[in-house]
Amino acid sequence: MYLSHAEEFEKIGNYKEAERLYLTVKQTDRAISMYKNTRQYREMLRLVKQFNADLLNQTYLHLAEQFQSEGNFKQAEQYYLEAKDWKSAVSMYRTIDRWEDAYRVASSCTEQPELRKQVAYLWAKHLGGESAVRLLTRLRLIENAIDYATEHCAFDFAFELAQSGSCTERLPEVHNKYAMFLEDEGKFTEAEEQFIKHSDKTNKFAMASSRLRDWDSAARVASEHDPDSINDVLLGQARLAFGEKEFAQAEALLLRAQRPDMAVRVYREAGMWEEAIRVAETYLPNRAEELKVSVY
C-alpha cells in the first residue's frame, strides 16, 4: 500500500511525499533512483550520504563522467573534485585543450603538489618552442621542467628549454644526462660524442666502456681526453684478466699502470708465490725478502 502510494506521488511529481513513503518501507534505492531519473542530484546525493555512504565517491565519479560526456565541464569538475579525483579533472581539460583550467585544477590540489608541475610541463611540451619557454618562465617552473624532461628521457625538449637565455648553464648537465642515457641504450659512439664535446665527464665514459669490456674505446677516450684516467682503465682490464686466469696479460697491464704492488698482491692471494717473488725482485726489491720469508 505504501509502495503503490509512493509510486503515485512520484508520477504526479510530489517527490518529497514519494520519498517519505519509500523510506517508510525501506525502499531507499527507489527514492535514490527517483531523484536520479529526474536529475535532482542534490537530493540524490543527500540520500546516498545518509544511507549508502560507502558508495558516495563512486556516485560522484559517475556524475562527473556523465556531465563530462554531456559537455558540462564545470559541473563535471565539481564532482571530480568532490571525489578527490584531481587527475581525472585535469585529464578532462587536457583532452579538450583547456590547459589554463587543467593547470588551475592541478594547482588547487594540495594533496599532490607535484601535479601542478607535471601539468605545467605537459602544457609547455604541448606548446613547444618559444611559447613553452615563456609559459614556464611565467610560472617559474622552467628549471623543474628541465629536470622532468631529462628524468623522462625527453631530451629534445630538455635541450630546447636549456638553450633558452635564462638556463644555458644547464646545457652541460643535459648533455651529460643524455650521454648516460645513450650509454644505457648501448649507443656508445653517440654517448662518446656527447661526453667529449659537451661534458666534463670523459673519464666517466672511459669507466663505462671499461665496465662493458670495450677496452679499445675506453683507452682511446682516456688517452685523448683524460690522460689521468688511463691507469683506471688498465686496472679494470687487469682485474678482468686475473678473473679469467690470464695472468701474463693481467701482469703486463698492471705494470703498464705502474702498479707492480697490485701484481704482487694478486699473485700472493692466488697462491702463486714464485710469480709474486719474481715481480717483487724486479720492481719492488724491498718486498722480495719479506715474500720469501712468508713462503719458506
C-alpha atoms as a PDB file:
ATOM      1  CA  MET A   1       0.000   0.000   0.000  1.00  0.00           C
ATOM      2  CA  TYR A   2       2.737   2.475   0.985  1.00  0.00           C
ATOM      3  CA  LEU A   3       4.757   1.481  -2.089  1.00  0.00           C
ATOM      4  CA  SER A   4       1.897   1.989  -4.521  1.00  0.00           C
ATOM      5  CA  HIS A   5       1.123   5.367  -2.962  1.00  0.00           C
ATOM      6  CA  ALA A   6       4.789   6.341  -3.253  1.00  0.00           C
ATOM      7  CA  GLU A   7       4.742   5.436  -6.949  1.00  0.00           C
ATOM      8  CA  GLU A   8       1.620   7.527  -7.478  1.00  0.00           C
ATOM      9  CA  PHE A   9       3.187  10.541  -5.761  1.00  0.00           C
ATOM     10  CA  GLU A  10       6.296  10.068  -7.907  1.00  0.00           C
ATOM     11  CA  LYS A  11       4.172  10.051 -11.093  1.00  0.00           C
ATOM     12  CA  ILE A  12       2.466  13.327 -10.247  1.00  0.00           C
ATOM     13  CA  GLY A  13       5.741  14.983  -9.235  1.00  0.00           C
ATOM     14  CA  ASN A  14       5.234  15.089  -5.486  1.00  0.00           C
ATOM     15  CA  TYR A  15       8.746  13.856  -4.847  1.00  0.00           C
ATOM     16  CA  LYS A  16       9.009  14.782  -1.184  1.00  0.00           C
ATOM     17  CA  GLU A  17       5.956  12.725  -0.297  1.00  0.00           C
ATOM     18  CA  ALA A  18       7.122   9.890  -2.538  1.00  0.00           C
ATOM     19  CA  GLU A  19      10.497   9.924  -0.781  1.00  0.00           C
ATOM     20  CA  ARG A  20       8.839   9.827   2.646  1.00  0.00           C
ATOM     21  CA  LEU A  21       6.819   6.765   1.709  1.00  0.00           C
ATOM     22  CA  TYR A  22       9.746   4.978   0.010  1.00  0.00           C
ATOM     23  CA  LEU A  23      11.815   5.456   3.138  1.00  0.00           C
ATOM     24  CA  THR A  24       8.950   4.295   5.336  1.00  0.00           C
ATOM     25  CA  VAL A  25       9.012   0.906   3.601  1.00  0.00           C
ATOM     26  CA  LYS A  26      12.839   0.932   3.500  1.00  0.00           C
ATOM     27  CA  GLN A  27      12.978   1.342  -0.281  1.00  0.00           C
ATOM     28  CA  THR A  28      15.891   3.765  -0.176  1.00  0.00           C
ATOM     29  CA  ASP A  29      17.179   2.652  -3.581  1.00  0.00           C
ATOM     30  CA  ARG A  30      13.832   3.535  -5.142  1.00  0.00           C
ATOM     31  CA  ALA A  31      13.996   7.004  -3.614  1.00  0.00           C
ATOM     32  CA  ILE A  32      17.565   7.494  -4.836  1.00  0.00           C
ATOM     33  CA  SER A  33      16.664   6.286  -8.336  1.00  0.00           C
ATOM     34  CA  MET A  34      13.677   8.627  -8.402  1.00  0.00           C
ATOM     35  CA  TYR A  35      15.894  11.645  -7.827  1.00  0.00           C
ATOM     36  CA  LYS A  36      18.485  10.351 -10.269  1.00  0.00           C
ATOM     37  CA  ASN A  37      15.927   9.862 -13.032  1.00  0.00           C
ATOM     38  CA  THR A  38      14.631  13.397 -12.539  1.00  0.00           C
ATOM     39  CA  ARG A  39      18.197  14.818 -12.367  1.00  0.00           C
ATOM     40  CA  GLN A  40      17.671  16.094  -8.836  1.00  0.00           C
ATOM     41  CA  TYR A  41      21.244  15.273  -7.952  1.00  0.00           C
ATOM     42  CA  ARG A  42      21.435  17.292  -4.770  1.00  0.00           C
ATOM     43  CA  GLU A  43      18.557  15.280  -3.300  1.00  0.00           C
ATOM     44  CA  MET A  44      20.009  12.058  -4.661  1.00  0.00           C
ATOM     45  CA  LEU A  45      23.374  12.748  -3.024  1.00  0.00           C
ATOM     46  CA  ARG A  46      21.681  13.639   0.250  1.00  0.00           C
ATOM     47  CA  LEU A  47      20.142  10.157   0.386  1.00  0.00           C
ATOM     48  CA  VAL A  48      23.327   8.422  -0.758  1.00  0.00           C
ATOM     49  CA  LYS A  49      25.252  10.152   2.052  1.00  0.00           C
ATOM     50  CA  GLN A  50      22.603   9.135   4.557  1.00  0.00           C
ATOM     51  CA  PHE A  51      22.012   5.516   3.528  1.00  0.00           C
ATOM     52  CA  ASN A  52      24.872   4.406   1.235  1.00  0.00           C
ATOM     53  CA  ALA A  53      27.871   6.448   2.339  1.00  0.00           C
ATOM     54  CA  ASP A  54      30.290   3.786   1.086  1.00  0.00           C
ATOM     55  CA  LEU A  55      29.033   4.455  -2.456  1.00  0.00           C
ATOM     56  CA  LEU A  56      29.363   8.230  -2.257  1.00  0.00           C
ATOM     57  CA  ASN A  57      32.692   8.532  -4.084  1.00  0.00           C
ATOM     58  CA  GLN A  58      31.540   6.151  -6.790  1.00  0.00           C
ATOM     59  CA  THR A  59      28.407   8.267  -7.208  1.00  0.00           C
ATOM     60  CA  TYR A  60      30.450  11.463  -7.513  1.00  0.00           C
ATOM     61  CA  LEU A  61      32.572   9.866 -10.224  1.00  0.00           C
ATOM     62  CA  HIS A  62      29.540   8.579 -12.103  1.00  0.00           C
ATOM     63  CA  LEU A  63      28.036  12.066 -12.104  1.00  0.00           C
ATOM     64  CA  ALA A  64      31.345  13.621 -13.171  1.00  0.00           C
ATOM     65  CA  GLU A  65      31.642  11.249 -16.127  1.00  0.00           C
ATOM     66  CA  GLN A  66      28.018  11.883 -17.075  1.00  0.00           C
ATOM     67  CA  PHE A  67      28.431  15.664 -17.084  1.00  0.00           C
ATOM     68  CA  GLN A  68      31.717  15.365 -18.959  1.00  0.00           C
ATOM     69  CA  SER A  69      30.046  13.302 -21.691  1.00  0.00           C
ATOM     70  CA  GLU A  70      27.328  15.962 -21.898  1.00  0.00           C
ATOM     71  CA  GLY A  71      29.906  18.733 -22.276  1.00  0.00           C
ATOM     72  CA  ASN A  72      29.102  20.323 -18.919  1.00  0.00           C
ATOM     73  CA  PHE A  73      32.733  20.524 -17.861  1.00  0.00           C
ATOM     74  CA  LYS A  74      32.301  22.889 -14.928  1.00  0.00           C
ATOM     75  CA  GLN A  75      29.793  20.556 -13.286  1.00  0.00           C
ATOM     76  CA  ALA A  76      31.968  17.553 -14.119  1.00  0.00           C
ATOM     77  CA  GLU A  77      34.936  19.263 -12.483  1.00  0.00           C
ATOM     78  CA  GLN A  78      32.897  19.877  -9.337  1.00  0.00           C
ATOM     79  CA  TYR A  79      32.077  16.202  -8.941  1.00  0.00           C
ATOM     80  CA  TYR A  80      35.590  15.005  -9.810  1.00  0.00           C
ATOM     81  CA  LEU A  81      36.901  17.254  -7.049  1.00  0.00           C
ATOM     82  CA  GLU A  82      34.218  16.053  -4.626  1.00  0.00           C
ATOM     83  CA  ALA A  83      35.602  12.562  -5.303  1.00  0.00           C
ATOM     84  CA  LYS A  84      39.146  13.930  -4.817  1.00  0.00           C
ATOM     85  CA  ASP A  85      39.992  12.746  -8.316  1.00  0.00           C
ATOM     86  CA  TRP A  86      42.045  15.730  -9.443  1.00  0.00           C
ATOM     87  CA  LYS A  87      43.822  13.756 -12.139  1.00  0.00           C
ATOM     88  CA  SER A  88      40.590  12.929 -13.958  1.00  0.00           C
ATOM     89  CA  ALA A  89      39.545  16.581 -13.861  1.00  0.00           C
ATOM     90  CA  VAL A  90      42.941  17.611 -15.222  1.00  0.00           C
ATOM     91  CA  SER A  91      42.777  14.923 -17.901  1.00  0.00           C
ATOM     92  CA  MET A  92      39.309  16.107 -18.937  1.00  0.00           C
ATOM     93  CA  TYR A  93      40.541  19.658 -19.529  1.00  0.00           C
ATOM     94  CA  ARG A  94      43.695  18.444 -21.284  1.00  0.00           C
ATOM     95  CA  THR A  95      41.579  16.366 -23.665  1.00  0.00           C
ATOM     96  CA  ILE A  96      39.703  19.468 -24.804  1.00  0.00           C
ATOM     97  CA  ASP A  97      42.821  21.689 -24.858  1.00  0.00           C
ATOM     98  CA  ARG A  98      41.740  23.830 -21.914  1.00  0.00           C
ATOM     99  CA  TRP A  99      45.193  23.965 -20.361  1.00  0.00           C
ATOM    100  CA  GLU A 100      44.536  27.016 -18.188  1.00  0.00           C
ATOM    101  CA  ASP A 101      41.737  25.100 -16.470  1.00  0.00           C
ATOM    102  CA  ALA A 102      43.875  21.964 -16.209  1.00  0.00           C
ATOM    103  CA  TYR A 103      46.633  23.966 -14.524  1.00  0.00           C
ATOM    104  CA  ARG A 104      44.123  25.741 -12.239  1.00  0.00           C
ATOM    105  CA  VAL A 105      42.720  22.407 -11.043  1.00  0.00           C
ATOM    106  CA  ALA A 106      46.196  20.943 -10.551  1.00  0.00           C
ATOM    107  CA  SER A 107      47.260  23.994  -8.550  1.00  0.00           C
ATOM    108  CA  SER A 108      44.302  23.540  -6.212  1.00  0.00           C
ATOM    109  CA  CYS A 109      45.406  20.005  -5.359  1.00  0.00           C
ATOM    110  CA  THR A 110      47.280  20.496  -2.090  1.00  0.00           C
ATOM    111  CA  GLU A 111      47.444  16.736  -1.517  1.00  0.00           C
ATOM    112  CA  GLN A 112      49.551  16.219  -4.666  1.00  0.00           C
ATOM    113  CA  PRO A 113      51.779  19.306  -5.035  1.00  0.00           C
ATOM    114  CA  GLU A 114      53.780  17.712  -7.874  1.00  0.00           C
ATOM    115  CA  LEU A 115      50.661  17.571 -10.051  1.00  0.00           C
ATOM    116  CA  ARG A 116      50.909  21.300 -10.776  1.00  0.00           C
ATOM    117  CA  LYS A 117      54.481  20.906 -12.043  1.00  0.00           C
ATOM    118  CA  GLN A 118      53.569  17.904 -14.181  1.00  0.00           C
ATOM    119  CA  VAL A 119      50.687  19.757 -15.824  1.00  0.00           C
ATOM    120  CA  ALA A 120      52.867  22.810 -16.448  1.00  0.00           C
ATOM    121  CA  TYR A 121      55.439  20.548 -18.095  1.00  0.00           C
ATOM    122  CA  LEU A 122      52.842  18.832 -20.314  1.00  0.00           C
ATOM    123  CA  TRP A 123      51.280  22.184 -21.210  1.00  0.00           C
ATOM    124  CA  ALA A 124      54.663  23.587 -22.208  1.00  0.00           C
ATOM    125  CA  LYS A 125      55.501  20.449 -24.192  1.00  0.00           C
ATOM    126  CA  HIS A 126      52.176  20.818 -25.990  1.00  0.00           C
ATOM    127  CA  LEU A 127      53.057  24.402 -26.929  1.00  0.00           C
ATOM    128  CA  GLY A 128      56.725  23.863 -27.770  1.00  0.00           C
ATOM    129  CA  GLY A 129      59.284  26.448 -28.873  1.00  0.00           C
ATOM    130  CA  GLU A 130      59.354  29.971 -27.501  1.00  0.00           C
ATOM    131  CA  SER A 131      55.779  29.653 -26.241  1.00  0.00           C
ATOM    132  CA  ALA A 132      56.858  26.821 -23.944  1.00  0.00           C
ATOM    133  CA  VAL A 133      59.778  28.857 -22.612  1.00  0.00           C
ATOM    134  CA  ARG A 134      57.575  31.913 -22.000  1.00  0.00           C
ATOM    135  CA  LEU A 135      54.951  29.837 -20.205  1.00  0.00           C
ATOM    136  CA  LEU A 136      57.412  28.076 -17.907  1.00  0.00           C
ATOM    137  CA  THR A 137      59.232  31.332 -17.210  1.00  0.00           C
ATOM    138  CA  ARG A 138      55.935  32.979 -16.253  1.00  0.00           C
ATOM    139  CA  LEU A 139      55.077  30.056 -13.974  1.00  0.00           C
ATOM    140  CA  ARG A 140      58.653  29.991 -12.608  1.00  0.00           C
ATOM    141  CA  LEU A 141      58.901  26.303 -13.407  1.00  0.00           C
ATOM    142  CA  ILE A 142      61.446  26.159 -16.220  1.00  0.00           C
ATOM    143  CA  GLU A 143      64.123  24.562 -14.015  1.00  0.00           C
ATOM    144  CA  ASN A 144      61.658  21.907 -12.840  1.00  0.00           C
ATOM    145  CA  ALA A 145      60.621  21.249 -16.426  1.00  0.00           C
ATOM    146  CA  ILE A 146      64.227  20.634 -17.487  1.00  0.00           C
ATOM    147  CA  ASP A 147      64.612  18.137 -14.629  1.00  0.00           C
ATOM    148  CA  TYR A 148      61.322  16.457 -15.520  1.00  0.00           C
ATOM    149  CA  ALA A 149      62.274  16.231 -19.205  1.00  0.00           C
ATOM    150  CA  THR A 150      65.632  14.577 -18.505  1.00  0.00           C
ATOM    151  CA  GLU A 151      64.086  12.184 -15.976  1.00  0.00           C
ATOM    152  CA  HIS A 152      61.575  11.072 -18.620  1.00  0.00           C
ATOM    153  CA  CYS A 153      64.151  10.904 -21.432  1.00  0.00           C
ATOM    154  CA  ALA A 154      62.529  13.775 -23.365  1.00  0.00           C
ATOM    155  CA  PHE A 155      65.940  15.125 -24.284  1.00  0.00           C
ATOM    156  CA  ASP A 156      64.893  17.128 -27.354  1.00  0.00           C
ATOM    157  CA  PHE A 157      62.569  19.157 -25.149  1.00  0.00           C
ATOM    158  CA  ALA A 158      65.169  19.401 -22.374  1.00  0.00           C
ATOM    159  CA  PHE A 159      67.677  20.870 -24.853  1.00  0.00           C
ATOM    160  CA  GLU A 160      65.013  23.246 -26.167  1.00  0.00           C
ATOM    161  CA  LEU A 161      64.404  24.612 -22.671  1.00  0.00           C
ATOM    162  CA  ALA A 162      68.043  24.654 -21.592  1.00  0.00           C
ATOM    163  CA  GLN A 163      69.041  26.631 -24.682  1.00  0.00           C
ATOM    164  CA  SER A 164      66.798  29.498 -23.625  1.00  0.00           C
ATOM    165  CA  GLY A 165      68.601  32.577 -22.352  1.00  0.00           C
ATOM    166  CA  SER A 166      67.884  32.008 -18.672  1.00  0.00           C
ATOM    167  CA  CYS A 167      69.013  28.369 -18.495  1.00  0.00           C
ATOM    168  CA  THR A 168      72.054  27.984 -20.729  1.00  0.00           C
ATOM    169  CA  GLU A 169      74.135  26.999 -17.695  1.00  0.00           C
ATOM    170  CA  ARG A 170      72.081  23.773 -17.576  1.00  0.00           C
ATOM    171  CA  LEU A 171      73.211  22.648 -21.049  1.00  0.00           C
ATOM    172  CA  PRO A 172      76.317  20.673 -19.946  1.00  0.00           C
ATOM    173  CA  GLU A 173      74.201  18.822 -17.391  1.00  0.00           C
ATOM    174  CA  VAL A 174      71.578  17.932 -20.016  1.00  0.00           C
ATOM    175  CA  HIS A 175      74.261  16.752 -22.437  1.00  0.00           C
ATOM    176  CA  ASN A 176      75.764  14.634 -19.673  1.00  0.00           C
ATOM    177  CA  LYS A 177      72.428  13.004 -18.806  1.00  0.00           C
ATOM    178  CA  TYR A 178      71.740  12.414 -22.481  1.00  0.00           C
ATOM    179  CA  ALA A 179      75.147  10.744 -22.814  1.00  0.00           C
ATOM    180  CA  MET A 180      74.403   8.443 -19.872  1.00  0.00           C
ATOM    181  CA  PHE A 181      71.039   7.591 -21.447  1.00  0.00           C
ATOM    182  CA  LEU A 182      72.761   6.707 -24.737  1.00  0.00           C
ATOM    183  CA  GLU A 183      75.295   4.638 -22.812  1.00  0.00           C
ATOM    184  CA  ASP A 184      72.482   2.671 -21.122  1.00  0.00           C
ATOM    185  CA  GLU A 185      70.916   2.098 -24.544  1.00  0.00           C
ATOM    186  CA  GLY A 186      74.186   0.658 -25.823  1.00  0.00           C
ATOM    187  CA  LYS A 187      74.769   3.550 -28.237  1.00  0.00           C
ATOM    188  CA  PHE A 188      78.380   4.058 -27.246  1.00  0.00           C
ATOM    189  CA  THR A 189      79.542   6.068 -30.257  1.00  0.00           C
ATOM    190  CA  GLU A 190      76.818   8.676 -29.727  1.00  0.00           C
ATOM    191  CA  ALA A 191      77.429   8.639 -25.964  1.00  0.00           C
ATOM    192  CA  GLU A 192      81.134   9.207 -26.512  1.00  0.00           C
ATOM    193  CA  GLU A 193      80.383  12.220 -28.711  1.00  0.00           C
ATOM    194  CA  GLN A 194      78.151  13.748 -26.044  1.00  0.00           C
ATOM    195  CA  PHE A 195      80.682  13.164 -23.260  1.00  0.00           C
ATOM    196  CA  ILE A 196      83.620  14.518 -25.232  1.00  0.00           C
ATOM    197  CA  LYS A 197      82.065  17.519 -26.947  1.00  0.00           C
ATOM    198  CA  HIS A 198      79.632  18.719 -24.349  1.00  0.00           C
ATOM    199  CA  SER A 199      80.646  17.402 -20.948  1.00  0.00           C
ATOM    200  CA  ASP A 200      83.490  17.274 -18.499  1.00  0.00           C
ATOM    201  CA  LYS A 201      82.748  13.605 -17.858  1.00  0.00           C
ATOM    202  CA  THR A 202      85.066  11.876 -20.349  1.00  0.00           C
ATOM    203  CA  ASN A 203      86.543   9.852 -17.514  1.00  0.00           C
ATOM    204  CA  LYS A 204      83.050   8.587 -16.694  1.00  0.00           C
ATOM    205  CA  PHE A 205      82.646   7.402 -20.274  1.00  0.00           C
ATOM    206  CA  ALA A 206      86.016   5.661 -20.150  1.00  0.00           C
ATOM    207  CA  MET A 207      84.954   3.881 -16.976  1.00  0.00           C
ATOM    208  CA  ALA A 208      81.611   2.919 -18.520  1.00  0.00           C
ATOM    209  CA  SER A 209      83.405   1.452 -21.522  1.00  0.00           C
ATOM    210  CA  SER A 210      85.660  -0.464 -19.144  1.00  0.00           C
ATOM    211  CA  ARG A 211      82.693  -1.984 -17.320  1.00  0.00           C
ATOM    212  CA  LEU A 212      81.340  -3.162 -20.654  1.00  0.00           C
ATOM    213  CA  ARG A 213      84.782  -4.531 -21.677  1.00  0.00           C
ATOM    214  CA  ASP A 214      85.027  -2.116 -24.580  1.00  0.00           C
ATOM    215  CA  TRP A 215      88.687  -1.647 -23.731  1.00  0.00           C
ATOM    216  CA  ASP A 216      89.690  -0.074 -27.036  1.00  0.00           C
ATOM    217  CA  SER A 217      87.120   2.711 -26.665  1.00  0.00           C
ATOM    218  CA  ALA A 218      87.971   3.174 -23.004  1.00  0.00           C
ATOM    219  CA  ALA A 219      91.694   3.504 -23.641  1.00  0.00           C
ATOM    220  CA  ARG A 220      91.241   5.747 -26.679  1.00  0.00           C
ATOM    221  CA  VAL A 221      88.886   8.163 -24.922  1.00  0.00           C
ATOM    222  CA  ALA A 222      91.044   8.237 -21.811  1.00  0.00           C
ATOM    223  CA  SER A 223      94.290   8.864 -23.706  1.00  0.00           C
ATOM    224  CA  GLU A 224      92.787  11.527 -25.967  1.00  0.00           C
ATOM    225  CA  HIS A 225      90.690  13.424 -23.477  1.00  0.00           C
ATOM    226  CA  ASP A 226      91.526  12.450 -19.903  1.00  0.00           C
ATOM    227  CA  PRO A 227      95.050  11.004 -19.572  1.00  0.00           C
ATOM    228  CA  ASP A 228      94.693  10.826 -15.796  1.00  0.00           C
ATOM    229  CA  SER A 229      92.099   8.075 -16.187  1.00  0.00           C
ATOM    230  CA  ILE A 230      94.267   5.739 -18.317  1.00  0.00           C
ATOM    231  CA  ASN A 231      95.527   3.874 -15.267  1.00  0.00           C
ATOM    232  CA  ASP A 232      91.956   3.297 -14.090  1.00  0.00           C
ATOM    233  CA  VAL A 233      91.143   1.687 -17.435  1.00  0.00           C
ATOM    234  CA  LEU A 234      94.244  -0.523 -17.278  1.00  0.00           C
ATOM    235  CA  LEU A 235      93.425  -1.598 -13.725  1.00  0.00           C
ATOM    236  CA  GLY A 236      89.896  -2.529 -14.708  1.00  0.00           C
ATOM    237  CA  GLN A 237      91.176  -4.599 -17.615  1.00  0.00           C
ATOM    238  CA  ALA A 238      93.769  -6.261 -15.377  1.00  0.00           C
ATOM    239  CA  ARG A 239      91.146  -7.260 -12.802  1.00  0.00           C
ATOM    240  CA  LEU A 240      89.120  -8.902 -15.533  1.00  0.00           C
ATOM    241  CA  ALA A 241      92.180 -10.711 -16.906  1.00  0.00           C
ATOM    242  CA  PHE A 242      93.083 -12.076 -13.460  1.00  0.00           C
ATOM    243  CA  GLY A 243      89.492 -13.227 -13.019  1.00  0.00           C
ATOM    244  CA  GLU A 244      89.767 -15.173 -16.259  1.00  0.00           C
ATOM    245  CA  LYS A 245      93.190 -16.543 -15.217  1.00  0.00           C
ATOM    246  CA  GLU A 246      95.006 -14.621 -17.955  1.00  0.00           C
ATOM    247  CA  PHE A 247      97.870 -13.973 -15.562  1.00  0.00           C
ATOM    248  CA  ALA A 248     100.536 -12.838 -18.024  1.00  0.00           C
ATOM    249  CA  GLN A 249      98.185 -10.322 -19.621  1.00  0.00           C
ATOM    250  CA  ALA A 250      96.993  -9.064 -16.239  1.00  0.00           C
ATOM    251  CA  GLU A 251     100.559  -8.632 -15.009  1.00  0.00           C
ATOM    252  CA  ALA A 252     101.519  -6.670 -18.136  1.00  0.00           C
ATOM    253  CA  LEU A 253      98.546  -4.352 -17.679  1.00  0.00           C
ATOM    254  CA  LEU A 254      99.355  -3.710 -14.021  1.00  0.00           C
ATOM    255  CA  LEU A 255     102.941  -2.920 -14.882  1.00  0.00           C
ATOM    256  CA  ARG A 256     101.761  -0.501 -17.574  1.00  0.00           C
ATOM    257  CA  ALA A 257      99.619   1.121 -14.902  1.00  0.00           C
ATOM    258  CA  GLN A 258     102.730   1.348 -12.707  1.00  0.00           C
ATOM    259  CA  ARG A 259     101.168  -0.884 -10.054  1.00  0.00           C
ATOM    260  CA  PRO A 260     103.603  -3.776  -9.526  1.00  0.00           C
ATOM    261  CA  ASP A 261     102.426  -3.877  -5.913  1.00  0.00           C
ATOM    262  CA  MET A 262      98.989  -4.974  -7.107  1.00  0.00           C
ATOM    263  CA  ALA A 263     100.519  -7.695  -9.274  1.00  0.00           C
ATOM    264  CA  VAL A 264     102.435  -8.998  -6.265  1.00  0.00           C
ATOM    265  CA  ARG A 265      99.341  -8.914  -4.064  1.00  0.00           C
ATOM    266  CA  VAL A 266      97.121 -10.689  -6.576  1.00  0.00           C
ATOM    267  CA  TYR A 267      99.720 -13.397  -7.234  1.00  0.00           C
ATOM    268  CA  ARG A 268     100.137 -13.872  -3.489  1.00  0.00           C
ATOM    269  CA  GLU A 269      96.366 -14.148  -2.907  1.00  0.00           C
ATOM    270  CA  ALA A 270      96.197 -16.705  -5.714  1.00  0.00           C
ATOM    271  CA  GLY A 271      98.949 -18.737  -4.034  1.00  0.00           C
ATOM    272  CA  MET A 272     101.349 -18.083  -6.923  1.00  0.00           C
ATOM    273  CA  TRP A 273     104.322 -17.275  -4.722  1.00  0.00           C
ATOM    274  CA  GLU A 274     107.025 -17.783  -7.333  1.00  0.00           C
ATOM    275  CA  GLU A 275     105.382 -15.243  -9.630  1.00  0.00           C
ATOM    276  CA  ALA A 276     104.885 -12.808  -6.751  1.00  0.00           C
ATOM    277  CA  ILE A 277     108.567 -13.066  -5.789  1.00  0.00           C
ATOM    278  CA  ARG A 278     109.678 -12.684  -9.421  1.00  0.00           C
ATOM    279  CA  VAL A 279     107.730  -9.431  -9.839  1.00  0.00           C
ATOM    280  CA  ALA A 280     108.903  -8.155  -6.460  1.00  0.00           C
ATOM    281  CA  GLU A 281     112.568  -8.860  -7.206  1.00  0.00           C
ATOM    282  CA  THR A 282     112.335  -6.873 -10.443  1.00  0.00           C
ATOM    283  CA  TYR A 283     110.150  -3.960  -9.362  1.00  0.00           C
ATOM    284  CA  LEU A 284     109.926  -3.983  -5.554  1.00  0.00           C
ATOM    285  CA  PRO A 285     113.200  -5.428  -4.260  1.00  0.00           C
ATOM    286  CA  ASN A 286     112.475  -4.295  -0.708  1.00  0.00           C
ATOM    287  CA  ARG A 287     109.422  -6.605  -0.712  1.00  0.00           C
ATOM    288  CA  ALA A 288     111.174  -9.661  -2.141  1.00  0.00           C
ATOM    289  CA  GLU A 289     112.792 -10.828   1.105  1.00  0.00           C
ATOM    290  CA  GLU A 290     109.549 -10.409   3.008  1.00  0.00           C
ATOM    291  CA  LEU A 291     107.768 -12.636   0.487  1.00  0.00           C
ATOM    292  CA  LYS A 292     110.473 -15.284   0.632  1.00  0.00           C
ATOM    293  CA  VAL A 293     110.170 -15.416   4.415  1.00  0.00           C
ATOM    294  CA  SER A 294     106.393 -15.850   4.101  1.00  0.00           C
ATOM    295  CA  VAL A 295     106.845 -18.782   1.730  1.00  0.00           C
ATOM    296  CA  TYR A 296     109.649 -20.561   3.483  1.00  0.00           C
END
